[in-house]
Amino acid sequence: LLTALFFMDQNISVRLVNSPDNKLKKGPAYNVDMVALGVITGVLSIFGLPWMCGATVQSMNHVRAMSETRLNPETNEIEIARVTETRLTG
């Protein structure tokens, strides 16, 4: 049950962050993220430490914080111009 929860949380977070609306340039690297999460969860379990997860809300806030936005005069909506990416995978 816990494995399914981690899998769903990670995939939801990754798919929301890698949405085309965010205009990210690097590849999503879904498999690398899942392997890293599995290894980290295994190591943390051995030492009795709390597990980590995708944290959907924090991930979306991080993307917004790293984004440069502009106002589209035609639609009068704020759009993401570009995102300063800090990840190494992909």
C-alpha atoms as a PDB file:
ATOM      1  CA  LEU A   1       0.000   0.000   0.000  1.00  0.00           C
ATOM      2  CA  LEU A   2       2.787   2.405   0.892  1.00  0.00           C
ATOM      3  CA  THR A   3       4.615   1.603  -2.338  1.00  0.00           C
ATOM      4  CA  ALA A   4       1.505   2.511  -4.343  1.00  0.00           C
ATOM      5  CA  LEU A   5       1.191   5.774  -2.404  1.00  0.00           C
ATOM      6  CA  PHE A   6       4.800   6.746  -3.153  1.00  0.00           C
ATOM      7  CA  PHE A   7       4.378   5.771  -6.805  1.00  0.00           C
ATOM      8  CA  MET A   8       1.206   7.858  -7.218  1.00  0.00           C
ATOM      9  CA  ASP A   9       2.600  10.861  -5.339  1.00  0.00           C
ATOM     10  CA  GLN A  10       5.822  10.860  -7.350  1.00  0.00           C
ATOM     11  CA  ASN A  11       4.061  10.500 -10.700  1.00  0.00           C
ATOM     12  CA  ILE A  12       1.478  13.190  -9.967  1.00  0.00           C
ATOM     13  CA  SER A  13       4.198  15.609  -8.866  1.00  0.00           C
ATOM     14  CA  VAL A  14       6.416  14.898 -11.883  1.00  0.00           C
ATOM     15  CA  ARG A  15       3.594  15.207 -14.398  1.00  0.00           C
ATOM     16  CA  LEU A  16       2.374  18.511 -12.936  1.00  0.00           C
ATOM     17  CA  VAL A  17       5.869  20.004 -12.819  1.00  0.00           C
ATOM     18  CA  ASN A  18       6.755  18.829 -16.350  1.00  0.00           C
ATOM     19  CA  SER A  19       3.582  20.260 -17.881  1.00  0.00           C
ATOM     20  CA  PRO A  20       4.198  22.000 -21.250  1.00  0.00           C
ATOM     21  CA  ASP A  21       2.776  25.194 -19.704  1.00  0.00           C
ATOM     22  CA  ASN A  22       5.901  25.429 -17.511  1.00  0.00           C
ATOM     23  CA  LYS A  23       8.201  25.543 -20.576  1.00  0.00           C
ATOM     24  CA  LEU A  24      10.931  23.388 -19.050  1.00  0.00           C
ATOM     25  CA  LYS A  25      13.809  22.506 -21.388  1.00  0.00           C
ATOM     26  CA  LYS A  26      15.358  19.446 -19.757  1.00  0.00           C
ATOM     27  CA  GLY A  27      13.827  16.007 -20.183  1.00  0.00           C
ATOM     28  CA  PRO A  28      11.563  14.621 -17.484  1.00  0.00           C
ATOM     29  CA  ALA A  29      13.745  11.587 -16.519  1.00  0.00           C
ATOM     30  CA  TYR A  30      10.795   9.769 -14.892  1.00  0.00           C
ATOM     31  CA  ASN A  31      12.667   6.478 -14.499  1.00  0.00           C
ATOM     32  CA  VAL A  32      15.732   8.072 -12.901  1.00  0.00           C
ATOM     33  CA  ASP A  33      13.505   9.868 -10.380  1.00  0.00           C
ATOM     34  CA  MET A  34      11.684   6.654  -9.433  1.00  0.00           C
ATOM     35  CA  VAL A  35      14.946   4.710  -9.015  1.00  0.00           C
ATOM     36  CA  ALA A  36      16.427   7.503  -6.898  1.00  0.00           C
ATOM     37  CA  LEU A  37      13.288   7.649  -4.743  1.00  0.00           C
ATOM     38  CA  GLY A  38      13.370   3.857  -4.284  1.00  0.00           C
ATOM     39  CA  VAL A  39      17.038   3.806  -3.261  1.00  0.00           C
ATOM     40  CA  ILE A  40      16.666   6.764  -0.894  1.00  0.00           C
ATOM     41  CA  THR A  41      13.536   5.244   0.702  1.00  0.00           C
ATOM     42  CA  GLY A  42      15.370   1.931   1.190  1.00  0.00           C
ATOM     43  CA  VAL A  43      18.385   3.582   2.834  1.00  0.00           C
ATOM     44  CA  LEU A  44      16.198   5.769   5.064  1.00  0.00           C
ATOM     45  CA  SER A  45      14.216   2.681   6.115  1.00  0.00           C
ATOM     46  CA  ILE A  46      17.388   0.876   7.196  1.00  0.00           C
ATOM     47  CA  PHE A  47      18.368   3.777   9.448  1.00  0.00           C
ATOM     48  CA  GLY A  48      14.836   4.355  10.780  1.00  0.00           C
ATOM     49  CA  LEU A  49      14.591   7.832   9.276  1.00  0.00           C
ATOM     50  CA  PRO A  50      11.437   9.360   7.747  1.00  0.00           C
ATOM     51  CA  TRP A  51      10.788   8.744   4.049  1.00  0.00           C
ATOM     52  CA  MET A  52      10.708  11.434   1.430  1.00  0.00           C
ATOM     53  CA  CYS A  53       8.092  11.890  -1.265  1.00  0.00           C
ATOM     54  CA  GLY A  54       7.365  14.069  -4.303  1.00  0.00           C
ATOM     55  CA  ALA A  55       5.521  16.701  -2.261  1.00  0.00           C
ATOM     56  CA  THR A  56       3.204  17.982  -4.992  1.00  0.00           C
ATOM     57  CA  VAL A  57       2.417  21.379  -3.463  1.00  0.00           C
ATOM     58  CA  GLN A  58       6.049  22.199  -2.696  1.00  0.00           C
ATOM     59  CA  SER A  59       7.130  21.067  -6.175  1.00  0.00           C
ATOM     60  CA  MET A  60       4.615  23.353  -7.887  1.00  0.00           C
ATOM     61  CA  ASN A  61       5.583  26.280  -5.645  1.00  0.00           C
ATOM     62  CA  HIS A  62       9.244  25.691  -6.486  1.00  0.00           C
ATOM     63  CA  VAL A  63       8.471  25.867 -10.224  1.00  0.00           C
ATOM     64  CA  ARG A  64       6.518  29.099  -9.711  1.00  0.00           C
ATOM     65  CA  ALA A  65       9.355  30.590  -7.658  1.00  0.00           C
ATOM     66  CA  MET A  66      11.908  29.780 -10.375  1.00  0.00           C
ATOM     67  CA  SER A  67       9.688  31.140 -13.184  1.00  0.00           C
ATOM     68  CA  GLU A  68       9.884  34.423 -15.013  1.00  0.00           C
ATOM     69  CA  THR A  69       6.390  35.512 -15.989  1.00  0.00           C
ATOM     70  CA  ARG A  70       4.940  38.120 -18.324  1.00  0.00           C
ATOM     71  CA  LEU A  71       1.494  39.483 -19.065  1.00  0.00           C
ATOM     72  CA  ASN A  72       0.045  38.400 -22.392  1.00  0.00           C
ATOM     73  CA  PRO A  73      -1.669  41.528 -23.762  1.00  0.00           C
ATOM     74  CA  GLU A  74      -4.015  39.528 -26.012  1.00  0.00           C
ATOM     75  CA  THR A  75      -5.479  37.271 -23.315  1.00  0.00           C
ATOM     76  CA  ASN A  76      -4.663  39.541 -20.356  1.00  0.00           C
ATOM     77  CA  GLU A  77      -3.306  36.509 -18.462  1.00  0.00           C
ATOM     78  CA  ILE A  78       0.046  35.897 -16.837  1.00  0.00           C
ATOM     79  CA  GLU A  79       2.166  33.355 -18.743  1.00  0.00           C
ATOM     80  CA  ILE A  80       5.469  31.700 -17.918  1.00  0.00           C
ATOM     81  CA  ALA A  81       8.219  33.170 -20.093  1.00  0.00           C
ATOM     82  CA  ARG A  82      10.965  30.814 -18.893  1.00  0.00           C
ATOM     83  CA  VAL A  83      12.015  28.751 -15.883  1.00  0.00           C
ATOM     84  CA  THR A  84      15.492  28.738 -14.352  1.00  0.00           C
ATOM     85  CA  GLU A  85      16.151  25.013 -14.021  1.00  0.00           C
ATOM     86  CA  THR A  86      18.268  23.673 -11.165  1.00  0.00           C
ATOM     87  CA  ARG A  87      17.998  19.905 -11.665  1.00  0.00           C
ATOM     88  CA  LEU A  88      20.828  17.762 -12.975  1.00  0.00           C
ATOM     89  CA  THR A  89      18.868  14.790 -14.363  1.00  0.00           C
ATOM     90  CA  GLY A  90      17.487  14.679 -17.869  1.00  0.00           C
END
